[in-house]
C-alpha atoms as a PDB file:
ATOM      1  CA  GLY A   1      58.891  11.697  -1.595  1.00  0.00           C
ATOM      2  CA  ILE A   2      59.762  14.095  -4.191  1.00  0.00           C
ATOM      3  CA  PHE A   3      56.468  16.114  -4.029  1.00  0.00           C
ATOM      4  CA  ALA A   4      56.886  16.683  -0.098  1.00  0.00           C
ATOM      5  CA  ALA A   5      60.735  17.729  -0.214  1.00  0.00           C
ATOM      6  CA  LYS A   6      61.808  21.082  -0.801  1.00  0.00           C
ATOM      7  CA  GLY A   7      62.127  22.356  -4.110  1.00  0.00           C
ATOM      8  CA  ILE A   8      60.523  22.289  -7.336  1.00  0.00           C
ATOM      9  CA  PRO A   9      59.063  18.547  -8.044  1.00  0.00           C
ATOM     10  CA  MET A  10      59.284  17.175 -11.681  1.00  0.00           C
ATOM     11  CA  LEU A  11      58.280  13.883 -12.919  1.00  0.00           C
ATOM     12  CA  TRP A  12      60.274  12.610 -15.606  1.00  0.00           C
ATOM     13  CA  GLN A  13      59.164  11.410 -19.468  1.00  0.00           C
ATOM     14  CA  GLY A  14      56.328   9.226 -18.484  1.00  0.00           C
ATOM     15  CA  GLN A  15      56.852   8.256 -14.929  1.00  0.00           C
ATOM     16  CA  GLU A  16      53.091   8.940 -14.235  1.00  0.00           C
ATOM     17  CA  PHE A  17      52.237   6.450 -16.401  1.00  0.00           C
ATOM     18  CA  GLY A  18      54.346   3.927 -14.674  1.00  0.00           C
ATOM     19  CA  GLU A  19      57.200   3.732 -17.437  1.00  0.00           C
ATOM     20  CA  ASN A  20      59.387   0.952 -17.491  1.00  0.00           C
ATOM     21  CA  TYR A  21      61.770   0.987 -20.190  1.00  0.00           C
ATOM     22  CA  PHE A  22      65.395  -0.431 -19.690  1.00  0.00           C
ATOM     23  CA  ILE A  23      68.322   2.408 -19.576  1.00  0.00           C
ATOM     24  CA  PRO A  24      71.406   0.941 -19.923  1.00  0.00           C
ATOM     25  CA  GLU A  25      74.062   1.754 -17.339  1.00  0.00           C
ATOM     26  CA  ASN A  26      76.426   4.228 -19.642  1.00  0.00           C
ATOM     27  CA  GLY A  27      77.090   4.708 -23.107  1.00  0.00           C
ATOM     28  CA  MET A  28      75.009   6.397 -25.954  1.00  0.00           C
ATOM     29  CA  GLY A  29      72.337   4.090 -25.389  1.00  0.00           C
ATOM     30  CA  ARG A  30      71.090   6.008 -22.257  1.00  0.00           C
ATOM     31  CA  VAL A  31      70.340   8.611 -25.029  1.00  0.00           C
ATOM     32  CA  VAL A  32      69.675   7.693 -28.399  1.00  0.00           C
ATOM     33  CA  ILE A  33      67.552   4.716 -28.231  1.00  0.00           C
ATOM     34  CA  PHE A  34      63.852   5.806 -28.683  1.00  0.00           C
ATOM     35  CA  ARG A  35      61.489   5.211 -25.806  1.00  0.00           C
ATOM     36  CA  PRO A  36      57.766   6.739 -26.535  1.00  0.00           C
ATOM     37  CA  VAL A  37      55.342   6.747 -23.878  1.00  0.00           C
ATOM     38  CA  ARG A  38      52.911   3.911 -23.954  1.00  0.00           C
ATOM     39  CA  TRP A  39      49.790   5.620 -23.878  1.00  0.00           C
ATOM     40  CA  ASP A  40      47.984   1.944 -22.886  1.00  0.00           C
ATOM     41  CA  TYR A  41      49.907   2.334 -19.401  1.00  0.00           C
ATOM     42  CA  PHE A  42      47.525   4.971 -19.071  1.00  0.00           C
ATOM     43  CA  TYR A  43      44.430   3.045 -18.796  1.00  0.00           C
ATOM     44  CA  ASP A  44      45.889  -0.522 -17.408  1.00  0.00           C
ATOM     45  CA  PRO A  45      45.022  -1.203 -13.599  1.00  0.00           C
ATOM     46  CA  VAL A  46      48.434  -0.720 -12.445  1.00  0.00           C
ATOM     47  CA  GLY A  47      48.960   2.935 -14.547  1.00  0.00           C
ATOM     48  CA  LYS A  48      45.153   3.880 -13.409  1.00  0.00           C
ATOM     49  CA  ARG A  49      46.632   3.837  -9.686  1.00  0.00           C
ATOM     50  CA  MET A  50      50.178   5.264 -10.729  1.00  0.00           C
ATOM     51  CA  VAL A  51      47.822   8.314 -12.057  1.00  0.00           C
ATOM     52  CA  SER A  52      45.854   7.983  -9.033  1.00  0.00           C
ATOM     53  CA  LEU A  53      48.722   8.532  -7.144  1.00  0.00           C
ATOM     54  CA  VAL A  54      50.552  11.125  -8.800  1.00  0.00           C
ATOM     55  CA  ARG A  55      47.237  13.689  -8.915  1.00  0.00           C
ATOM     56  CA  GLY A  56      47.194  12.973  -5.164  1.00  0.00           C
ATOM     57  CA  LEU A  57      50.541  13.884  -4.906  1.00  0.00           C
ATOM     58  CA  ILE A  58      50.110  17.121  -6.759  1.00  0.00           C
ATOM     59  CA  LYS A  59      46.841  18.220  -4.844  1.00  0.00           C
ATOM     60  CA  MET A  60      49.115  17.073  -1.515  1.00  0.00           C
ATOM     61  CA  ARG A  61      51.793  19.601  -2.342  1.00  0.00           C
ATOM     62  CA  ARG A  62      49.256  22.354  -2.801  1.00  0.00           C
ATOM     63  CA  GLN A  63      49.265  22.474   0.955  1.00  0.00           C
ATOM     64  CA  PRO A  64      51.179  25.546   2.668  1.00  0.00           C
ATOM     65  CA  GLN A  65      53.804  23.095   4.333  1.00  0.00           C
ATOM     66  CA  PHE A  66      54.801  21.404   1.357  1.00  0.00           C
ATOM     67  CA  GLN A  67      55.508  24.764  -0.497  1.00  0.00           C
ATOM     68  CA  ARG A  68      57.204  27.198   2.216  1.00  0.00           C
ATOM     69  CA  GLY A  69      58.053  26.623   6.138  1.00  0.00           C
ATOM     70  CA  ARG A  70      60.475  24.291   7.677  1.00  0.00           C
ATOM     71  CA  HIS A  71      62.400  20.999   6.350  1.00  0.00           C
ATOM     72  CA  ILE A  72      64.098  19.094   8.745  1.00  0.00           C
ATOM     73  CA  PHE A  73      65.867  15.653   7.654  1.00  0.00           C
ATOM     74  CA  TYR A  74      66.177  13.343  10.861  1.00  0.00           C
ATOM     75  CA  ASN A  75      69.290  11.598  10.495  1.00  0.00           C
ATOM     76  CA  ASP A  76      69.311   8.945  12.982  1.00  0.00           C
ATOM     77  CA  PRO A  77      71.359   6.084  11.082  1.00  0.00           C
ATOM     78  CA  GLY A  78      70.440   3.526  13.932  1.00  0.00           C
ATOM     79  CA  ARG A  79      66.625   4.137  13.422  1.00  0.00           C
ATOM     80  CA  TYR A  80      65.864   4.975  10.094  1.00  0.00           C
ATOM     81  CA  GLN A  81      68.915   4.587   7.862  1.00  0.00           C
ATOM     82  CA  SER A  82      69.804   1.567   8.627  1.00  0.00           C
ATOM     83  CA  LYS A  83      66.700   0.171   8.102  1.00  0.00           C
ATOM     84  CA  GLY A  84      66.316   1.780   5.169  1.00  0.00           C
ATOM     85  CA  VAL A  85      64.090   4.320   5.942  1.00  0.00           C
ATOM     86  CA  LEU A  86      64.013   8.076   5.058  1.00  0.00           C
ATOM     87  CA  VAL A  87      62.192  10.587   7.426  1.00  0.00           C
ATOM     88  CA  PHE A  88      61.444  14.461   7.313  1.00  0.00           C
ATOM     89  CA  SER A  89      59.110  16.828   8.161  1.00  0.00           C
ATOM     90  CA  ARG A  90      57.602  19.906   6.765  1.00  0.00           C
ATOM     91  CA  GLU A  91      55.670  22.684   8.955  1.00  0.00           C
ATOM     92  CA  ASP A  92      54.392  25.775   8.323  1.00  0.00           C
ATOM     93  CA  GLU A  93      52.649  28.071  11.089  1.00  0.00           C
ATOM     94  CA  SER A  94      49.279  25.703  10.873  1.00  0.00           C
ATOM     95  CA  LEU A  95      50.058  22.174   9.772  1.00  0.00           C
ATOM     96  CA  PHE A  96      52.936  19.893  10.370  1.00  0.00           C
ATOM     97  CA  SER A  97      53.483  16.949   8.103  1.00  0.00           C
ATOM     98  CA  LEU A  98      55.878  13.874   8.631  1.00  0.00           C
ATOM     99  CA  VAL A  99      57.222  12.046   5.672  1.00  0.00           C
ATOM    100  CA  ALA A 100      58.413   8.354   6.084  1.00  0.00           C
ATOM    101  CA  LEU A 101      59.857   6.701   2.730  1.00  0.00           C
ATOM    102  CA  ASN A 102      60.807   3.176   2.923  1.00  0.00           C
ATOM    103  CA  PHE A 103      63.381   1.985   0.034  1.00  0.00           C
ATOM    104  CA  THR A 104      63.453  -1.799   1.071  1.00  0.00           C
ATOM    105  CA  ASP A 105      61.627  -4.662   0.131  1.00  0.00           C
ATOM    106  CA  GLN A 106      60.342  -5.305   3.505  1.00  0.00           C
ATOM    107  CA  ASP A 107      57.855  -3.296   5.867  1.00  0.00           C
ATOM    108  CA  GLN A 108      59.489  -1.268   8.019  1.00  0.00           C
ATOM    109  CA  GLN A 109      58.612  -0.592  11.862  1.00  0.00           C
ATOM    110  CA  VAL A 110      60.073   2.504  13.120  1.00  0.00           C
ATOM    111  CA  GLY A 111      59.211   5.238  15.788  1.00  0.00           C
ATOM    112  CA  PHE A 112      59.142   8.857  16.292  1.00  0.00           C
ATOM    113  CA  LYS A 113      58.341  11.610  18.530  1.00  0.00           C
ATOM    114  CA  PHE A 114      56.103  13.915  16.775  1.00  0.00           C
ATOM    115  CA  PRO A 115      56.438  17.454  18.381  1.00  0.00           C
ATOM    116  CA  PHE A 116      52.446  17.895  18.045  1.00  0.00           C
ATOM    117  CA  SER A 117      49.182  16.134  19.831  1.00  0.00           C
ATOM    118  CA  GLY A 118      46.580  14.894  18.240  1.00  0.00           C
ATOM    119  CA  ASP A 119      45.035  12.861  15.332  1.00  0.00           C
ATOM    120  CA  TYR A 120      47.559  12.508  12.168  1.00  0.00           C
ATOM    121  CA  ARG A 121      45.783  12.094   8.789  1.00  0.00           C
ATOM    122  CA  GLU A 122      47.591   9.942   6.418  1.00  0.00           C
ATOM    123  CA  GLU A 123      47.839  11.708   2.987  1.00  0.00           C
ATOM    124  CA  LEU A 124      48.557   9.559   0.494  1.00  0.00           C
ATOM    125  CA  HIS A 125      45.283   7.236   0.915  1.00  0.00           C
ATOM    126  CA  GLY A 126      43.697   8.261   3.778  1.00  0.00           C
ATOM    127  CA  LEU A 127      44.433   4.919   5.731  1.00  0.00           C
ATOM    128  CA  ASP A 128      46.859   4.272   8.260  1.00  0.00           C
ATOM    129  CA  GLY A 129      46.152   7.729   9.973  1.00  0.00           C
ATOM    130  CA  LEU A 130      47.706   8.113  13.494  1.00  0.00           C
ATOM    131  CA  GLU A 131      44.971   8.748  16.146  1.00  0.00           C
ATOM    132  CA  ASP A 132      45.763  10.235  20.119  1.00  0.00           C
ATOM    133  CA  VAL A 133      49.274  10.642  18.877  1.00  0.00           C
ATOM    134  CA  VAL A 134      50.942  12.073  22.467  1.00  0.00           C
ATOM    135  CA  GLY A 135      53.321  14.967  21.430  1.00  0.00           C
ATOM    136  CA  ASP A 136      56.787  14.670  22.462  1.00  0.00           C
ATOM    137  CA  ALA A 137      56.628  10.536  22.919  1.00  0.00           C
ATOM    138  CA  TRP A 138      57.435   7.953  20.646  1.00  0.00           C
ATOM    139  CA  THR A 139      55.036   6.617  18.266  1.00  0.00           C
ATOM    140  CA  SER A 140      55.428   3.424  16.347  1.00  0.00           C
ATOM    141  CA  PHE A 141      54.202   3.184  12.817  1.00  0.00           C
ATOM    142  CA  VAL A 142      54.678   0.779   9.600  1.00  0.00           C
ATOM    143  CA  VAL A 143      55.698   2.217   6.533  1.00  0.00           C
ATOM    144  CA  PRO A 144      55.265  -0.150   3.601  1.00  0.00           C
ATOM    145  CA  SER A 145      58.231  -1.561   1.559  1.00  0.00           C
ATOM    146  CA  ASN A 146      59.119   0.521  -1.303  1.00  0.00           C
ATOM    147  CA  TYR A 147      56.411   2.923  -0.607  1.00  0.00           C
ATOM    148  CA  GLY A 148      56.021   5.558   2.151  1.00  0.00           C
ATOM    149  CA  ARG A 149      53.811   7.692   4.143  1.00  0.00           C
ATOM    150  CA  VAL A 150      52.624  11.232   4.789  1.00  0.00           C
ATOM    151  CA  TRP A 151      51.181  12.174   8.190  1.00  0.00           C
ATOM    152  CA  THR A 152      49.136  15.582   8.625  1.00  0.00           C
ATOM    153  CA  VAL A 153      48.141  16.926  11.815  1.00  0.00           C
ATOM    154  CA  ARG A 154      46.218  20.970  12.187  1.00  0.00           C
ATOM    155  CA  ILE A 155      48.707  23.154  14.833  1.00  0.00           C
END
C-alpha cells in the first residue's frame, strides 16, 4: 500500500527480505538490540516471493498516476473501514488505479463505483482483473486477507 500512496515510499531495514525480528513495545531494547539483516531470507521461498513483490511494487510506482495527479481516500466506515479495508485511488490524465488493502485475517468482499468503464488490470500479480466494469455502477470484488489489490484502467 505504501508504494501506491502519496509521498515517498520507504522500506525499513530488511522489510524487502521479510525480516521478522521481535521488537519490544518500549524501552532501550527498541534501539540497542543488534538486528543484522539475515541475507539467507533473500534465497528461501518466502523471501523470493517477497523480493519479487517489492520489485513489482517499485515497477508499479513508476507509472504516472502513482507519481502525481489526484489521490482520493474513500471514507465509508460502513462499507470499508468496518471490514478492515482501506480503499483509495490514484489518477492522472490517462490512468486510473484503485487500491484496496485488507488488514484482517479473512478475505473481504466489498463494492465500489468505478468512475470509468473498461477492463481493469490487476497490478500486483496480473490475476483477478476486473473485466467489463461499467462506470458509475457498483462492482463487487474480494480483497485477500492481510493483502491487497491494485486495479488500473486506461482512461
